[in-house]
Amino acid sequence: MRLTVMTEREEDGRWIAEVVELPGVLVYGNDAREAIVKAKALALRVLADRLEHGEDEVATTAIEFAAA
């Protein structure tokens, strides 16, 4: 599974990061690196929750994050 993390700087200086393939996985950080780390952590939590509740048949043999 390949997940894409997109980042953008807001007008107020904060960075926002979003995992495109997982709707709702959107976080803010003080810099781009912090936002990306938070987005990856949240994405893994969302995938784990889906697996635990049988909501998604996720191929978890490998998960790769790509910056966009």
PDB file of N, CA and C in Angstrom:
ATOM      1  N   MET A   1       0.855  -1.170   0.000  1.00  0.00           N
ATOM      2  CA  MET A   1       0.000   0.000   0.000  1.00  0.00           C
ATOM      3  C   MET A   1       0.898   1.229   0.000  1.00  0.00           C
ATOM      4  N   ARG A   2       0.615   2.136  -0.886  1.00  0.00           N
ATOM      5  CA  ARG A   2       1.385   3.377  -0.985  1.00  0.00           C
ATOM      6  C   ARG A   2       0.480   4.534  -0.592  1.00  0.00           C
ATOM      7  N   LEU A   3       0.923   5.324   0.363  1.00  0.00           N
ATOM      8  CA  LEU A   3       0.179   6.480   0.839  1.00  0.00           C
ATOM      9  C   LEU A   3       0.945   7.752   0.485  1.00  0.00           C
ATOM     10  N   THR A   4       0.224   8.740   0.007  1.00  0.00           N
ATOM     11  CA  THR A   4       0.827   9.995  -0.420  1.00  0.00           C
ATOM     12  C   THR A   4       0.556  11.080   0.606  1.00  0.00           C
ATOM     13  N   VAL A   5       1.628  11.727   1.090  1.00  0.00           N
ATOM     14  CA  VAL A   5       1.494  12.833   2.039  1.00  0.00           C
ATOM     15  C   VAL A   5       1.750  14.135   1.291  1.00  0.00           C
ATOM     16  N   MET A   6       0.736  14.978   1.250  1.00  0.00           N
ATOM     17  CA  MET A   6       0.864  16.286   0.597  1.00  0.00           C
ATOM     18  C   MET A   6       0.964  17.348   1.689  1.00  0.00           C
ATOM     19  N   THR A   7       1.855  18.320   1.486  1.00  0.00           N
ATOM     20  CA  THR A   7       2.018  19.400   2.460  1.00  0.00           C
ATOM     21  C   THR A   7       1.802  20.754   1.793  1.00  0.00           C
ATOM     22  N   GLU A   8       1.401  21.687   2.623  1.00  0.00           N
ATOM     23  CA  GLU A   8       1.195  23.055   2.142  1.00  0.00           C
ATOM     24  C   GLU A   8       1.364  23.997   3.331  1.00  0.00           C
ATOM     25  N   ARG A   9       1.927  25.156   3.069  1.00  0.00           N
ATOM     26  CA  ARG A   9       2.088  26.150   4.121  1.00  0.00           C
ATOM     27  C   ARG A   9       0.880  27.083   4.123  1.00  0.00           C
ATOM     28  N   GLU A  10       0.299  27.253   5.289  1.00  0.00           N
ATOM     29  CA  GLU A  10      -0.855  28.134   5.448  1.00  0.00           C
ATOM     30  C   GLU A  10      -0.382  29.591   5.556  1.00  0.00           C
ATOM     31  N   GLU A  11      -1.295  30.516   5.390  1.00  0.00           N
ATOM     32  CA  GLU A  11      -0.963  31.942   5.468  1.00  0.00           C
ATOM     33  C   GLU A  11      -0.427  32.338   6.839  1.00  0.00           C
ATOM     34  N   ASP A  12      -0.870  31.647   7.891  1.00  0.00           N
ATOM     35  CA  ASP A  12      -0.421  31.976   9.243  1.00  0.00           C
ATOM     36  C   ASP A  12       0.930  31.338   9.592  1.00  0.00           C
ATOM     37  N   GLY A  13       1.545  30.634   8.631  1.00  0.00           N
ATOM     38  CA  GLY A  13       2.860  30.050   8.830  1.00  0.00           C
ATOM     39  C   GLY A  13       2.849  28.585   9.224  1.00  0.00           C
ATOM     40  N   ARG A  14       1.714  28.081   9.656  1.00  0.00           N
ATOM     41  CA  ARG A  14       1.640  26.663  10.006  1.00  0.00           C
ATOM     42  C   ARG A  14       1.674  25.828   8.741  1.00  0.00           C
ATOM     43  N   TRP A  15       2.086  24.578   8.891  1.00  0.00           N
ATOM     44  CA  TRP A  15       2.089  23.624   7.788  1.00  0.00           C
ATOM     45  C   TRP A  15       0.951  22.639   7.974  1.00  0.00           C
ATOM     46  N   ILE A  16       0.337  22.267   6.881  1.00  0.00           N
ATOM     47  CA  ILE A  16      -0.731  21.279   6.900  1.00  0.00           C
ATOM     48  C   ILE A  16      -0.261  20.089   6.060  1.00  0.00           C
ATOM     49  N   ALA A  17      -0.532  18.891   6.555  1.00  0.00           N
ATOM     50  CA  ALA A  17      -0.179  17.672   5.821  1.00  0.00           C
ATOM     51  C   ALA A  17      -1.416  16.793   5.747  1.00  0.00           C
ATOM     52  N   GLU A  18      -1.600  16.187   4.586  1.00  0.00           N
ATOM     53  CA  GLU A  18      -2.772  15.350   4.335  1.00  0.00           C
ATOM     54  C   GLU A  18      -2.336  14.059   3.664  1.00  0.00           C
ATOM     55  N   VAL A  19      -2.929  12.947   4.104  1.00  0.00           N
ATOM     56  CA  VAL A  19      -2.706  11.665   3.435  1.00  0.00           C
ATOM     57  C   VAL A  19      -3.858  11.495   2.448  1.00  0.00           C
ATOM     58  N   VAL A  20      -3.547  11.608   1.192  1.00  0.00           N
ATOM     59  CA  VAL A  20      -4.543  11.673   0.124  1.00  0.00           C
ATOM     60  C   VAL A  20      -5.474  10.468   0.113  1.00  0.00           C
ATOM     61  N   GLU A  21      -4.936   9.284   0.309  1.00  0.00           N
ATOM     62  CA  GLU A  21      -5.723   8.055   0.196  1.00  0.00           C
ATOM     63  C   GLU A  21      -6.625   7.779   1.403  1.00  0.00           C
ATOM     64  N   LEU A  22      -6.476   8.556   2.463  1.00  0.00           N
ATOM     65  CA  LEU A  22      -7.269   8.344   3.677  1.00  0.00           C
ATOM     66  C   LEU A  22      -8.020   9.627   4.028  1.00  0.00           C
ATOM     67  N   PRO A  23      -9.252   9.757   3.576  1.00  0.00           N
ATOM     68  CA  PRO A  23     -10.023  10.967   3.864  1.00  0.00           C
ATOM     69  C   PRO A  23     -10.066  11.267   5.360  1.00  0.00           C
ATOM     70  N   GLY A  24      -9.840  12.522   5.693  1.00  0.00           N
ATOM     71  CA  GLY A  24      -9.874  12.938   7.087  1.00  0.00           C
ATOM     72  C   GLY A  24      -8.532  12.910   7.778  1.00  0.00           C
ATOM     73  N   VAL A  25      -7.521  12.325   7.152  1.00  0.00           N
ATOM     74  CA  VAL A  25      -6.187  12.309   7.759  1.00  0.00           C
ATOM     75  C   VAL A  25      -5.494  13.601   7.343  1.00  0.00           C
ATOM     76  N   LEU A  26      -5.654  14.599   8.205  1.00  0.00           N
ATOM     77  CA  LEU A  26      -5.192  15.955   7.939  1.00  0.00           C
ATOM     78  C   LEU A  26      -4.705  16.536   9.265  1.00  0.00           C
ATOM     79  N   VAL A  27      -3.476  17.025   9.295  1.00  0.00           N
ATOM     80  CA  VAL A  27      -2.899  17.536  10.540  1.00  0.00           C
ATOM     81  C   VAL A  27      -2.116  18.820  10.286  1.00  0.00           C
ATOM     82  N   TYR A  28      -1.879  19.568  11.365  1.00  0.00           N
ATOM     83  CA  TYR A  28      -1.060  20.773  11.310  1.00  0.00           C
ATOM     84  C   TYR A  28       0.241  20.552  12.061  1.00  0.00           C
ATOM     85  N   GLY A  29       1.273  21.266  11.654  1.00  0.00           N
ATOM     86  CA  GLY A  29       2.555  21.247  12.350  1.00  0.00           C
ATOM     87  C   GLY A  29       3.204  22.612  12.268  1.00  0.00           C
ATOM     88  N   ASN A  30       4.185  22.834  13.131  1.00  0.00           N
ATOM     89  CA  ASN A  30       4.906  24.108  13.117  1.00  0.00           C
ATOM     90  C   ASN A  30       5.839  24.228  11.925  1.00  0.00           C
ATOM     91  N   ASP A  31       6.256  23.081  11.378  1.00  0.00           N
ATOM     92  CA  ASP A  31       7.073  23.063  10.169  1.00  0.00           C
ATOM     93  C   ASP A  31       6.652  21.851   9.338  1.00  0.00           C
ATOM     94  N   ALA A  32       7.188  21.755   8.137  1.00  0.00           N
ATOM     95  CA  ALA A  32       6.781  20.681   7.224  1.00  0.00           C
ATOM     96  C   ALA A  32       7.092  19.302   7.803  1.00  0.00           C
ATOM     97  N   ARG A  33       8.268  19.146   8.402  1.00  0.00           N
ATOM     98  CA  ARG A  33       8.666  17.853   8.951  1.00  0.00           C
ATOM     99  C   ARG A  33       7.700  17.405  10.047  1.00  0.00           C
ATOM    100  N   GLU A  34       7.363  18.303  10.956  1.00  0.00           N
ATOM    101  CA  GLU A  34       6.442  17.962  12.040  1.00  0.00           C
ATOM    102  C   GLU A  34       5.074  17.559  11.483  1.00  0.00           C
ATOM    103  N   ALA A  35       4.589  18.284  10.502  1.00  0.00           N
ATOM    104  CA  ALA A  35       3.291  17.965   9.902  1.00  0.00           C
ATOM    105  C   ALA A  35       3.320  16.589   9.235  1.00  0.00           C
ATOM    106  N   ILE A  36       4.398  16.273   8.543  1.00  0.00           N
ATOM    107  CA  ILE A  36       4.511  14.969   7.865  1.00  0.00           C
ATOM    108  C   ILE A  36       4.556  13.838   8.883  1.00  0.00           C
ATOM    109  N   VAL A  37       5.329  14.010   9.946  1.00  0.00           N
ATOM    110  CA  VAL A  37       5.423  12.976  10.977  1.00  0.00           C
ATOM    111  C   VAL A  37       4.052  12.738  11.614  1.00  0.00           C
ATOM    112  N   LYS A  38       3.339  13.808  11.928  1.00  0.00           N
ATOM    113  CA  LYS A  38       2.011  13.673  12.524  1.00  0.00           C
ATOM    114  C   LYS A  38       1.038  12.995  11.566  1.00  0.00           C
ATOM    115  N   ALA A  39       1.126  13.315  10.272  1.00  0.00           N
ATOM    116  CA  ALA A  39       0.240  12.701   9.279  1.00  0.00           C
ATOM    117  C   ALA A  39       0.506  11.204   9.157  1.00  0.00           C
ATOM    118  N   LYS A  40       1.771  10.817   9.153  1.00  0.00           N
ATOM    119  CA  LYS A  40       2.111   9.394   9.071  1.00  0.00           C
ATOM    120  C   LYS A  40       1.588   8.645  10.287  1.00  0.00           C
ATOM    121  N   ALA A  41       1.773   9.220  11.469  1.00  0.00           N
ATOM    122  CA  ALA A  41       1.310   8.574  12.700  1.00  0.00           C
ATOM    123  C   ALA A  41      -0.209   8.414  12.694  1.00  0.00           C
ATOM    124  N   LEU A  42      -0.915   9.453  12.286  1.00  0.00           N
ATOM    125  CA  LEU A  42      -2.375   9.374  12.243  1.00  0.00           C
ATOM    126  C   LEU A  42      -2.837   8.356  11.204  1.00  0.00           C
ATOM    127  N   ALA A  43      -2.173   8.312  10.056  1.00  0.00           N
ATOM    128  CA  ALA A  43      -2.535   7.340   9.020  1.00  0.00           C
ATOM    129  C   ALA A  43      -2.394   5.917   9.544  1.00  0.00           C
ATOM    130  N   LEU A  44      -1.319   5.638  10.265  1.00  0.00           N
ATOM    131  CA  LEU A  44      -1.128   4.296  10.816  1.00  0.00           C
ATOM    132  C   LEU A  44      -2.185   3.966  11.860  1.00  0.00           C
ATOM    133  N   ARG A  45      -2.574   4.952  12.662  1.00  0.00           N
ATOM    134  CA  ARG A  45      -3.646   4.725  13.639  1.00  0.00           C
ATOM    135  C   ARG A  45      -4.974   4.410  12.950  1.00  0.00           C
ATOM    136  N   VAL A  46      -5.269   5.143  11.884  1.00  0.00           N
ATOM    137  CA  VAL A  46      -6.522   4.926  11.144  1.00  0.00           C
ATOM    138  C   VAL A  46      -6.534   3.531  10.524  1.00  0.00           C
ATOM    139  N   LEU A  47      -5.430   3.132   9.916  1.00  0.00           N
ATOM    140  CA  LEU A  47      -5.360   1.802   9.305  1.00  0.00           C
ATOM    141  C   LEU A  47      -5.490   0.714  10.363  1.00  0.00           C
ATOM    142  N   ALA A  48      -4.838   0.881  11.505  1.00  0.00           N
ATOM    143  CA  ALA A  48      -4.933  -0.107  12.581  1.00  0.00           C
ATOM    144  C   ALA A  48      -6.367  -0.219  13.083  1.00  0.00           C
ATOM    145  N   ASP A  49      -7.027   0.913  13.247  1.00  0.00           N
ATOM    146  CA  ASP A  49      -8.412   0.907  13.711  1.00  0.00           C
ATOM    147  C   ASP A  49      -9.321   0.189  12.712  1.00  0.00           C
ATOM    148  N   ARG A  50      -9.118   0.442  11.441  1.00  0.00           N
ATOM    149  CA  ARG A  50      -9.930  -0.229  10.416  1.00  0.00           C
ATOM    150  C   ARG A  50      -9.719  -1.734  10.444  1.00  0.00           C
ATOM    151  N   LEU A  51      -8.465  -2.160  10.591  1.00  0.00           N
ATOM    152  CA  LEU A  51      -8.174  -3.591  10.644  1.00  0.00           C
ATOM    153  C   LEU A  51      -8.796  -4.231  11.873  1.00  0.00           C
ATOM    154  N   GLU A  52      -8.665  -3.585  13.023  1.00  0.00           N
ATOM    155  CA  GLU A  52      -9.198  -4.134  14.269  1.00  0.00           C
ATOM    156  C   GLU A  52     -10.714  -4.296  14.236  1.00  0.00           C
ATOM    157  N   HIS A  53     -11.375  -3.423  13.503  1.00  0.00           N
ATOM    158  CA  HIS A  53     -12.833  -3.457  13.447  1.00  0.00           C
ATOM    159  C   HIS A  53     -13.369  -4.118  12.181  1.00  0.00           C
ATOM    160  N   GLY A  54     -12.489  -4.699  11.388  1.00  0.00           N
ATOM    161  CA  GLY A  54     -12.900  -5.405  10.191  1.00  0.00           C
ATOM    162  C   GLY A  54     -13.562  -4.531   9.145  1.00  0.00           C
ATOM    163  N   GLU A  55     -13.268  -3.235   9.190  1.00  0.00           N
ATOM    164  CA  GLU A  55     -13.907  -2.296   8.269  1.00  0.00           C
ATOM    165  C   GLU A  55     -13.215  -2.212   6.919  1.00  0.00           C
ATOM    166  N   ASP A  56     -11.978  -2.669   6.854  1.00  0.00           N
ATOM    167  CA  ASP A  56     -11.229  -2.494   5.620  1.00  0.00           C
ATOM    168  C   ASP A  56     -10.276  -3.669   5.444  1.00  0.00           C
ATOM    169  N   GLU A  57     -10.247  -4.207   4.261  1.00  0.00           N
ATOM    170  CA  GLU A  57      -9.297  -5.264   3.934  1.00  0.00           C
ATOM    171  C   GLU A  57      -8.033  -4.595   3.406  1.00  0.00           C
ATOM    172  N   VAL A  58      -7.164  -4.198   4.294  1.00  0.00           N
ATOM    173  CA  VAL A  58      -5.952  -3.465   3.921  1.00  0.00           C
ATOM    174  C   VAL A  58      -4.801  -4.431   3.759  1.00  0.00           C
ATOM    175  N   ALA A  59      -4.093  -4.302   2.651  1.00  0.00           N
ATOM    176  CA  ALA A  59      -2.891  -5.110   2.434  1.00  0.00           C
ATOM    177  C   ALA A  59      -1.768  -4.495   3.262  1.00  0.00           C
ATOM    178  N   THR A  60      -1.436  -5.145   4.361  1.00  0.00           N
ATOM    179  CA  THR A  60      -0.481  -4.547   5.285  1.00  0.00           C
ATOM    180  C   THR A  60       0.882  -5.221   5.272  1.00  0.00           C
ATOM    181  N   THR A  61       1.177  -5.963   4.235  1.00  0.00           N
ATOM    182  CA  THR A  61       2.499  -6.561   4.172  1.00  0.00           C
ATOM    183  C   THR A  61       3.568  -5.488   4.005  1.00  0.00           C
ATOM    184  N   ALA A  62       3.197  -4.369   3.415  1.00  0.00           N
ATOM    185  CA  ALA A  62       4.133  -3.244   3.271  1.00  0.00           C
ATOM    186  C   ALA A  62       3.330  -1.961   3.126  1.00  0.00           C
ATOM    187  N   ILE A  63       3.759  -0.953   3.863  1.00  0.00           N
ATOM    188  CA  ILE A  63       3.159   0.374   3.766  1.00  0.00           C
ATOM    189  C   ILE A  63       4.258   1.344   3.449  1.00  0.00           C
ATOM    190  N   GLU A  64       4.071   2.130   2.415  1.00  0.00           N
ATOM    191  CA  GLU A  64       5.094   3.077   1.967  1.00  0.00           C
ATOM    192  C   GLU A  64       4.473   4.459   1.912  1.00  0.00           C
ATOM    193  N   PHE A  65       5.199   5.443   2.437  1.00  0.00           N
ATOM    194  CA  PHE A  65       4.766   6.827   2.359  1.00  0.00           C
ATOM    195  C   PHE A  65       5.581   7.545   1.308  1.00  0.00           C
ATOM    196  N   ALA A  66       4.924   8.351   0.484  1.00  0.00           N
ATOM    197  CA  ALA A  66       5.601   9.134  -0.539  1.00  0.00           C
ATOM    198  C   ALA A  66       5.207  10.594  -0.374  1.00  0.00           C
ATOM    199  N   ALA A  67       6.169  11.475  -0.467  1.00  0.00           N
ATOM    200  CA  ALA A  67       5.880  12.907  -0.388  1.00  0.00           C
ATOM    201  C   ALA A  67       5.415  13.387  -1.759  1.00  0.00           C
ATOM    202  N   ALA A  68       4.470  14.279  -1.738  1.00  0.00           N
ATOM    203  CA  ALA A  68       3.974  14.828  -3.013  1.00  0.00           C
ATOM    204  C   ALA A  68       4.202  16.306  -3.055  1.00  0.00           C
TER     205      ALA A  68
END
